[in-house]
Amino acid sequence: MNTWISEIMFASPEYDESVDLRTRVLRVPLKMSFEIKDLAVEYKEWHLGCYSEAGKLLGCLILKPLTDKLVKMRQVAVEPEFQGMKIGQKLVQASEEFAKAQKCIKIELNARAPVIPFYQKLGYSLIGEPFYEVGIEHGKMIKEL
């Protein structure tokens, strides 16, 4: 499948699509929703989307700058019917290149337990002990760029 990755500008129609995708994939299964205050701080973060040739948003993620050299990957979501088709892998790899272009040298993330092997295959390492976030077991992971 031919896809392309693009930066998503905060408060754009594409951003609204990404919020909808993240809501459906990440929040609704946990009976959660976004609050305005949650989204209001996202203007300081970098948003990336993976699109089909026809321009349909297939997946998205956010990179949150923590320092001038460290970013946190968060809110990785892929349309359910496109999971297992390397959309997430393409997004993660593109986010690493994007972070490098911003002079970052490390990415960290909190991975839900079932997707830890996905990130390990992409070179991320578990650090510390498992923990619970939003009621789900997670592991903290890092990768040097």
N, C-alpha and C. Protein backbone atom coordinates (compact mmCIF):
# COMPACT_ATOMS: atom_id res chain seq x y z
N MET A 1 0.84 -1.18 0.00
CA MET A 1 0.00 0.00 0.00
C MET A 1 0.89 1.24 0.00
N ASN A 2 0.61 2.14 -0.90
CA ASN A 2 1.35 3.39 -0.97
C ASN A 2 0.77 4.38 0.04
N THR A 3 1.64 4.91 0.86
CA THR A 3 1.23 5.88 1.87
C THR A 3 2.23 7.02 1.90
N TRP A 4 1.88 8.09 2.57
CA TRP A 4 2.79 9.21 2.77
C TRP A 4 2.58 9.76 4.18
N ILE A 5 3.66 10.31 4.70
CA ILE A 5 3.65 10.87 6.06
C ILE A 5 3.72 12.39 5.94
N SER A 6 2.95 13.06 6.77
CA SER A 6 2.94 14.52 6.76
C SER A 6 2.80 15.06 8.18
N GLU A 7 3.40 16.20 8.42
CA GLU A 7 3.17 16.87 9.69
C GLU A 7 1.74 17.42 9.69
N ILE A 8 1.10 17.32 10.82
CA ILE A 8 -0.27 17.82 10.99
C ILE A 8 -0.19 19.09 11.83
N MET A 9 -0.76 20.15 11.35
CA MET A 9 -0.74 21.42 12.07
C MET A 9 -1.85 21.45 13.12
N PHE A 10 -1.51 21.92 14.30
CA PHE A 10 -2.48 22.03 15.38
C PHE A 10 -3.66 22.89 14.94
N ALA A 11 -4.86 22.49 15.35
CA ALA A 11 -6.11 23.21 15.10
C ALA A 11 -6.51 23.25 13.63
N SER A 12 -5.92 22.41 12.80
CA SER A 12 -6.29 22.32 11.39
C SER A 12 -7.37 21.24 11.22
N PRO A 13 -8.01 21.17 10.07
CA PRO A 13 -8.96 20.07 9.82
C PRO A 13 -8.28 18.69 9.97
N GLU A 14 -7.02 18.60 9.57
CA GLU A 14 -6.28 17.34 9.70
C GLU A 14 -6.06 17.00 11.18
N TYR A 15 -5.82 18.02 11.98
CA TYR A 15 -5.69 17.81 13.43
C TYR A 15 -6.99 17.26 14.00
N ASP A 16 -8.11 17.84 13.58
CA ASP A 16 -9.41 17.35 14.05
C ASP A 16 -9.60 15.88 13.68
N GLU A 17 -9.17 15.49 12.47
CA GLU A 17 -9.25 14.09 12.06
C GLU A 17 -8.39 13.21 12.98
N SER A 18 -7.22 13.71 13.34
CA SER A 18 -6.33 12.92 14.20
C SER A 18 -6.92 12.77 15.60
N VAL A 19 -7.56 13.80 16.10
CA VAL A 19 -8.22 13.71 17.41
C VAL A 19 -9.34 12.67 17.35
N ASP A 20 -10.09 12.68 16.26
CA ASP A 20 -11.16 11.68 16.09
C ASP A 20 -10.58 10.27 16.08
N LEU A 21 -9.50 10.06 15.32
CA LEU A 21 -8.87 8.74 15.25
C LEU A 21 -8.36 8.32 16.63
N ARG A 22 -7.66 9.21 17.32
CA ARG A 22 -7.14 8.88 18.64
C ARG A 22 -8.27 8.59 19.63
N THR A 23 -9.35 9.32 19.51
CA THR A 23 -10.51 9.08 20.38
C THR A 23 -11.06 7.68 20.15
N ARG A 24 -11.30 7.34 18.88
CA ARG A 24 -11.90 6.03 18.56
C ARG A 24 -10.99 4.86 18.93
N VAL A 25 -9.68 5.00 18.67
CA VAL A 25 -8.76 3.88 18.86
C VAL A 25 -8.23 3.79 20.29
N LEU A 26 -7.93 4.92 20.91
CA LEU A 26 -7.26 4.91 22.20
C LEU A 26 -8.18 5.22 23.39
N ARG A 27 -9.17 6.04 23.20
CA ARG A 27 -9.98 6.51 24.33
C ARG A 27 -11.29 5.72 24.50
N VAL A 28 -12.06 5.57 23.43
CA VAL A 28 -13.36 4.90 23.54
C VAL A 28 -13.26 3.50 24.15
N PRO A 29 -12.26 2.68 23.76
CA PRO A 29 -12.18 1.35 24.39
C PRO A 29 -11.98 1.41 25.91
N LEU A 30 -11.45 2.51 26.41
CA LEU A 30 -11.24 2.67 27.86
C LEU A 30 -12.35 3.50 28.50
N LYS A 31 -13.40 3.77 27.71
CA LYS A 31 -14.51 4.60 28.18
C LYS A 31 -14.02 5.98 28.64
N MET A 32 -13.10 6.53 27.85
CA MET A 32 -12.54 7.84 28.13
C MET A 32 -12.80 8.76 26.94
N SER A 33 -12.66 10.04 27.18
CA SER A 33 -12.73 11.01 26.09
C SER A 33 -11.69 12.09 26.36
N PHE A 34 -11.46 12.93 25.36
CA PHE A 34 -10.56 14.05 25.54
C PHE A 34 -11.31 15.21 26.16
N GLU A 35 -10.64 15.93 27.02
CA GLU A 35 -11.17 17.16 27.56
C GLU A 35 -10.47 18.30 26.84
N ILE A 36 -11.10 19.43 26.78
CA ILE A 36 -10.52 20.60 26.12
C ILE A 36 -9.12 20.88 26.68
N LYS A 37 -8.97 20.78 28.00
CA LYS A 37 -7.66 21.06 28.62
C LYS A 37 -6.58 20.08 28.14
N ASP A 38 -6.96 18.83 27.82
CA ASP A 38 -6.00 17.85 27.31
C ASP A 38 -5.49 18.29 25.94
N LEU A 39 -6.39 18.74 25.11
CA LEU A 39 -6.04 19.12 23.74
C LEU A 39 -5.38 20.49 23.68
N ALA A 40 -5.72 21.36 24.60
CA ALA A 40 -5.21 22.74 24.55
C ALA A 40 -3.69 22.80 24.62
N VAL A 41 -3.05 21.85 25.29
CA VAL A 41 -1.59 21.89 25.42
C VAL A 41 -0.88 21.27 24.20
N GLU A 42 -1.64 20.66 23.31
CA GLU A 42 -1.02 19.99 22.17
C GLU A 42 -0.45 20.93 21.11
N TYR A 43 -0.71 22.21 21.23
CA TYR A 43 -0.14 23.16 20.26
C TYR A 43 1.39 23.18 20.35
N LYS A 44 1.94 22.75 21.49
CA LYS A 44 3.39 22.75 21.70
C LYS A 44 4.04 21.47 21.19
N GLU A 45 3.26 20.56 20.65
CA GLU A 45 3.76 19.25 20.25
C GLU A 45 3.75 19.10 18.74
N TRP A 46 4.50 18.12 18.24
CA TRP A 46 4.55 17.84 16.81
C TRP A 46 3.63 16.66 16.52
N HIS A 47 2.82 16.81 15.50
CA HIS A 47 1.83 15.80 15.13
C HIS A 47 2.17 15.28 13.74
N LEU A 48 2.19 13.96 13.60
CA LEU A 48 2.45 13.35 12.29
C LEU A 48 1.30 12.43 11.93
N GLY A 49 0.98 12.39 10.63
CA GLY A 49 -0.07 11.51 10.15
C GLY A 49 0.41 10.70 8.96
N CYS A 50 -0.10 9.49 8.85
CA CYS A 50 0.16 8.63 7.70
C CYS A 50 -1.13 8.58 6.89
N TYR A 51 -1.01 8.88 5.61
CA TYR A 51 -2.17 9.01 4.74
C TYR A 51 -2.12 8.01 3.58
N SER A 52 -3.30 7.59 3.14
CA SER A 52 -3.40 6.76 1.94
C SER A 52 -3.21 7.64 0.72
N GLU A 53 -3.05 7.00 -0.43
CA GLU A 53 -2.93 7.77 -1.68
C GLU A 53 -4.11 8.70 -1.89
N ALA A 54 -5.30 8.27 -1.40
CA ALA A 54 -6.51 9.07 -1.55
C ALA A 54 -6.64 10.17 -0.49
N GLY A 55 -5.67 10.24 0.43
CA GLY A 55 -5.70 11.29 1.44
C GLY A 55 -6.42 10.92 2.72
N LYS A 56 -6.75 9.64 2.92
CA LYS A 56 -7.40 9.20 4.16
C LYS A 56 -6.36 9.04 5.26
N LEU A 57 -6.64 9.57 6.43
CA LEU A 57 -5.75 9.42 7.58
C LEU A 57 -5.82 7.97 8.06
N LEU A 58 -4.68 7.29 8.02
CA LEU A 58 -4.61 5.88 8.43
C LEU A 58 -4.03 5.72 9.83
N GLY A 59 -3.20 6.66 10.24
CA GLY A 59 -2.58 6.59 11.56
C GLY A 59 -1.96 7.91 11.92
N CYS A 60 -1.69 8.09 13.20
CA CYS A 60 -1.09 9.35 13.66
C CYS A 60 -0.33 9.11 14.96
N LEU A 61 0.50 10.06 15.29
CA LEU A 61 1.20 10.07 16.58
C LEU A 61 1.61 11.48 16.91
N ILE A 62 2.05 11.65 18.16
CA ILE A 62 2.49 12.96 18.64
C ILE A 62 3.90 12.81 19.21
N LEU A 63 4.72 13.81 18.96
CA LEU A 63 6.03 13.93 19.60
C LEU A 63 5.99 15.16 20.50
N LYS A 64 6.23 14.92 21.78
CA LYS A 64 6.21 16.01 22.75
C LYS A 64 7.64 16.33 23.14
N PRO A 65 8.13 17.54 22.85
CA PRO A 65 9.48 17.90 23.29
C PRO A 65 9.55 17.95 24.81
N LEU A 66 10.52 17.22 25.39
CA LEU A 66 10.73 17.26 26.83
C LEU A 66 11.92 18.14 27.17
N THR A 67 12.96 18.06 26.33
CA THR A 67 14.11 18.95 26.42
C THR A 67 14.49 19.27 24.97
N ASP A 68 15.57 20.01 24.77
CA ASP A 68 15.97 20.30 23.39
C ASP A 68 16.55 19.08 22.68
N LYS A 69 16.83 17.99 23.41
CA LYS A 69 17.42 16.79 22.81
C LYS A 69 16.56 15.53 23.00
N LEU A 70 15.45 15.65 23.73
CA LEU A 70 14.62 14.49 24.08
C LEU A 70 13.16 14.76 23.76
N VAL A 71 12.52 13.80 23.07
CA VAL A 71 11.08 13.89 22.81
C VAL A 71 10.40 12.65 23.35
N LYS A 72 9.13 12.80 23.64
CA LYS A 72 8.31 11.67 24.07
C LYS A 72 7.28 11.39 22.98
N MET A 73 7.29 10.16 22.48
CA MET A 73 6.28 9.73 21.51
C MET A 73 5.03 9.34 22.30
N ARG A 74 3.89 9.81 21.83
CA ARG A 74 2.64 9.51 22.53
C ARG A 74 1.48 9.44 21.56
N GLN A 75 0.40 8.85 22.04
CA GLN A 75 -0.86 8.83 21.29
C GLN A 75 -0.71 8.23 19.89
N VAL A 76 -0.01 7.11 19.78
CA VAL A 76 0.14 6.41 18.50
C VAL A 76 -1.16 5.66 18.24
N ALA A 77 -1.80 5.95 17.12
CA ALA A 77 -3.08 5.32 16.79
C ALA A 77 -3.12 4.99 15.30
N VAL A 78 -3.61 3.79 14.98
CA VAL A 78 -3.78 3.35 13.59
C VAL A 78 -5.21 2.86 13.43
N GLU A 79 -5.84 3.25 12.33
CA GLU A 79 -7.19 2.76 12.03
C GLU A 79 -7.21 1.25 12.17
N PRO A 80 -8.18 0.69 12.88
CA PRO A 80 -8.20 -0.75 13.11
C PRO A 80 -8.08 -1.61 11.85
N GLU A 81 -8.74 -1.22 10.77
CA GLU A 81 -8.68 -2.05 9.55
C GLU A 81 -7.33 -2.00 8.85
N PHE A 82 -6.45 -1.08 9.29
CA PHE A 82 -5.12 -0.97 8.69
C PHE A 82 -4.01 -1.43 9.64
N GLN A 83 -4.38 -1.89 10.83
CA GLN A 83 -3.38 -2.41 11.75
C GLN A 83 -2.78 -3.69 11.17
N GLY A 84 -1.50 -3.88 11.39
CA GLY A 84 -0.80 -5.03 10.84
C GLY A 84 -0.32 -4.81 9.42
N MET A 85 -0.46 -3.58 8.90
CA MET A 85 -0.06 -3.27 7.52
C MET A 85 1.13 -2.31 7.49
N LYS A 86 1.88 -2.26 8.57
CA LYS A 86 3.11 -1.47 8.68
C LYS A 86 2.89 0.04 8.76
N ILE A 87 1.64 0.47 9.00
CA ILE A 87 1.36 1.90 9.15
C ILE A 87 2.07 2.43 10.40
N GLY A 88 1.93 1.71 11.51
CA GLY A 88 2.58 2.13 12.76
C GLY A 88 4.09 2.18 12.61
N GLN A 89 4.64 1.17 11.94
CA GLN A 89 6.09 1.13 11.72
C GLN A 89 6.54 2.34 10.90
N LYS A 90 5.82 2.65 9.85
CA LYS A 90 6.17 3.81 9.01
C LYS A 90 6.09 5.10 9.82
N LEU A 91 5.06 5.23 10.65
CA LEU A 91 4.92 6.43 11.47
C LEU A 91 6.07 6.57 12.46
N VAL A 92 6.40 5.48 13.14
CA VAL A 92 7.48 5.53 14.13
C VAL A 92 8.79 5.89 13.45
N GLN A 93 9.08 5.25 12.33
CA GLN A 93 10.34 5.54 11.62
C GLN A 93 10.37 6.99 11.14
N ALA A 94 9.24 7.48 10.64
CA ALA A 94 9.18 8.88 10.19
C ALA A 94 9.34 9.83 11.38
N SER A 95 8.78 9.45 12.52
CA SER A 95 8.91 10.31 13.70
C SER A 95 10.36 10.40 14.17
N GLU A 96 11.09 9.29 14.02
CA GLU A 96 12.51 9.30 14.38
C GLU A 96 13.29 10.25 13.48
N GLU A 97 13.01 10.20 12.19
CA GLU A 97 13.67 11.13 11.26
C GLU A 97 13.29 12.56 11.55
N PHE A 98 12.02 12.78 11.85
CA PHE A 98 11.54 14.12 12.19
C PHE A 98 12.27 14.62 13.44
N ALA A 99 12.36 13.77 14.47
CA ALA A 99 13.03 14.15 15.71
C ALA A 99 14.50 14.48 15.46
N LYS A 100 15.16 13.67 14.64
CA LYS A 100 16.57 13.95 14.30
C LYS A 100 16.70 15.31 13.63
N ALA A 101 15.76 15.64 12.75
CA ALA A 101 15.80 16.93 12.06
C ALA A 101 15.63 18.09 13.04
N GLN A 102 15.01 17.81 14.19
CA GLN A 102 14.85 18.83 15.23
C GLN A 102 16.03 18.82 16.21
N LYS A 103 17.09 18.02 15.87
CA LYS A 103 18.30 17.91 16.68
C LYS A 103 18.11 17.09 17.96
N CYS A 104 17.06 16.27 18.01
CA CYS A 104 16.85 15.39 19.17
C CYS A 104 17.76 14.16 19.03
N ILE A 105 18.16 13.62 20.17
CA ILE A 105 19.04 12.45 20.15
C ILE A 105 18.41 11.22 20.82
N LYS A 106 17.22 11.40 21.41
CA LYS A 106 16.58 10.28 22.10
C LYS A 106 15.07 10.44 22.05
N ILE A 107 14.38 9.30 21.94
CA ILE A 107 12.92 9.26 22.04
C ILE A 107 12.56 8.33 23.19
N GLU A 108 11.60 8.75 23.98
CA GLU A 108 11.06 7.87 25.00
C GLU A 108 9.56 7.73 24.77
N LEU A 109 8.99 6.66 25.32
CA LEU A 109 7.55 6.44 25.20
C LEU A 109 7.09 5.51 26.31
N ASN A 110 5.80 5.54 26.58
CA ASN A 110 5.17 4.61 27.49
C ASN A 110 4.30 3.69 26.64
N ALA A 111 4.73 2.44 26.48
CA ALA A 111 4.02 1.50 25.61
C ALA A 111 3.06 0.63 26.41
N ARG A 112 1.86 0.48 25.90
CA ARG A 112 0.94 -0.49 26.50
C ARG A 112 1.58 -1.86 26.36
N ALA A 113 1.42 -2.70 27.38
CA ALA A 113 2.10 -4.00 27.43
C ALA A 113 1.96 -4.82 26.14
N PRO A 114 0.77 -4.90 25.51
CA PRO A 114 0.67 -5.75 24.31
C PRO A 114 1.50 -5.28 23.12
N VAL A 115 1.88 -4.00 23.08
CA VAL A 115 2.64 -3.50 21.93
C VAL A 115 4.13 -3.31 22.21
N ILE A 116 4.57 -3.71 23.39
CA ILE A 116 6.01 -3.62 23.70
C ILE A 116 6.84 -4.37 22.66
N PRO A 117 6.46 -5.60 22.24
CA PRO A 117 7.27 -6.29 21.21
C PRO A 117 7.37 -5.51 19.89
N PHE A 118 6.32 -4.79 19.52
CA PHE A 118 6.34 -3.96 18.31
C PHE A 118 7.47 -2.94 18.39
N TYR A 119 7.56 -2.24 19.52
CA TYR A 119 8.60 -1.23 19.68
C TYR A 119 9.98 -1.86 19.82
N GLN A 120 10.07 -3.02 20.46
CA GLN A 120 11.37 -3.69 20.57
C GLN A 120 11.91 -4.05 19.19
N LYS A 121 11.05 -4.48 18.28
CA LYS A 121 11.48 -4.80 16.91
C LYS A 121 12.02 -3.57 16.19
N LEU A 122 11.60 -2.40 16.63
CA LEU A 122 12.05 -1.15 16.02
C LEU A 122 13.23 -0.54 16.77
N GLY A 123 13.80 -1.29 17.72
CA GLY A 123 15.01 -0.84 18.39
C GLY A 123 14.82 -0.14 19.71
N TYR A 124 13.61 -0.13 20.25
CA TYR A 124 13.36 0.51 21.55
C TYR A 124 13.66 -0.48 22.67
N SER A 125 14.17 0.03 23.79
CA SER A 125 14.54 -0.80 24.94
C SER A 125 13.66 -0.44 26.13
N LEU A 126 13.24 -1.48 26.85
CA LEU A 126 12.49 -1.28 28.10
C LEU A 126 13.44 -0.79 29.18
N ILE A 127 12.97 0.17 29.98
CA ILE A 127 13.73 0.61 31.14
C ILE A 127 12.78 0.64 32.34
N GLY A 128 13.29 0.28 33.48
CA GLY A 128 12.47 0.32 34.69
C GLY A 128 11.47 -0.82 34.76
N GLU A 129 10.60 -0.70 35.72
CA GLU A 129 9.59 -1.72 36.00
C GLU A 129 8.28 -1.37 35.30
N PRO A 130 7.44 -2.38 35.04
CA PRO A 130 6.11 -2.09 34.49
C PRO A 130 5.33 -1.18 35.44
N PHE A 131 4.42 -0.41 34.88
CA PHE A 131 3.58 0.48 35.67
C PHE A 131 2.21 0.57 35.03
N TYR A 132 1.28 1.12 35.76
CA TYR A 132 -0.09 1.25 35.25
C TYR A 132 -0.39 2.71 34.95
N GLU A 133 -0.98 2.92 33.78
CA GLU A 133 -1.40 4.25 33.33
C GLU A 133 -2.76 4.04 32.67
N VAL A 134 -3.70 4.88 32.96
CA VAL A 134 -5.09 4.75 32.49
C VAL A 134 -5.62 3.32 32.69
N GLY A 135 -5.20 2.69 33.79
CA GLY A 135 -5.69 1.37 34.13
C GLY A 135 -5.10 0.22 33.34
N ILE A 136 -4.04 0.48 32.55
CA ILE A 136 -3.44 -0.54 31.69
C ILE A 136 -1.96 -0.64 32.00
N GLU A 137 -1.43 -1.87 31.99
CA GLU A 137 -0.01 -2.05 32.21
C GLU A 137 0.79 -1.45 31.05
N HIS A 138 1.85 -0.74 31.40
CA HIS A 138 2.74 -0.09 30.43
C HIS A 138 4.19 -0.39 30.78
N GLY A 139 5.05 -0.15 29.82
CA GLY A 139 6.48 -0.19 30.04
C GLY A 139 7.10 1.08 29.45
N LYS A 140 8.05 1.66 30.17
CA LYS A 140 8.76 2.83 29.64
C LYS A 140 9.85 2.32 28.70
N MET A 141 9.95 2.94 27.54
CA MET A 141 10.91 2.52 26.52
C MET A 141 11.67 3.73 26.01
N ILE A 142 12.90 3.47 25.57
CA ILE A 142 13.73 4.55 25.00
C ILE A 142 14.46 4.04 23.76
N LYS A 143 14.86 5.00 22.96
CA LYS A 143 15.72 4.69 21.80
C LYS A 143 16.62 5.89 21.56
N GLU A 144 17.90 5.59 21.42
CA GLU A 144 18.88 6.61 21.02
C GLU A 144 18.76 6.77 19.52
N LEU A 145 18.78 8.00 19.05
CA LEU A 145 18.66 8.25 17.59
C LEU A 145 20.02 8.39 16.94
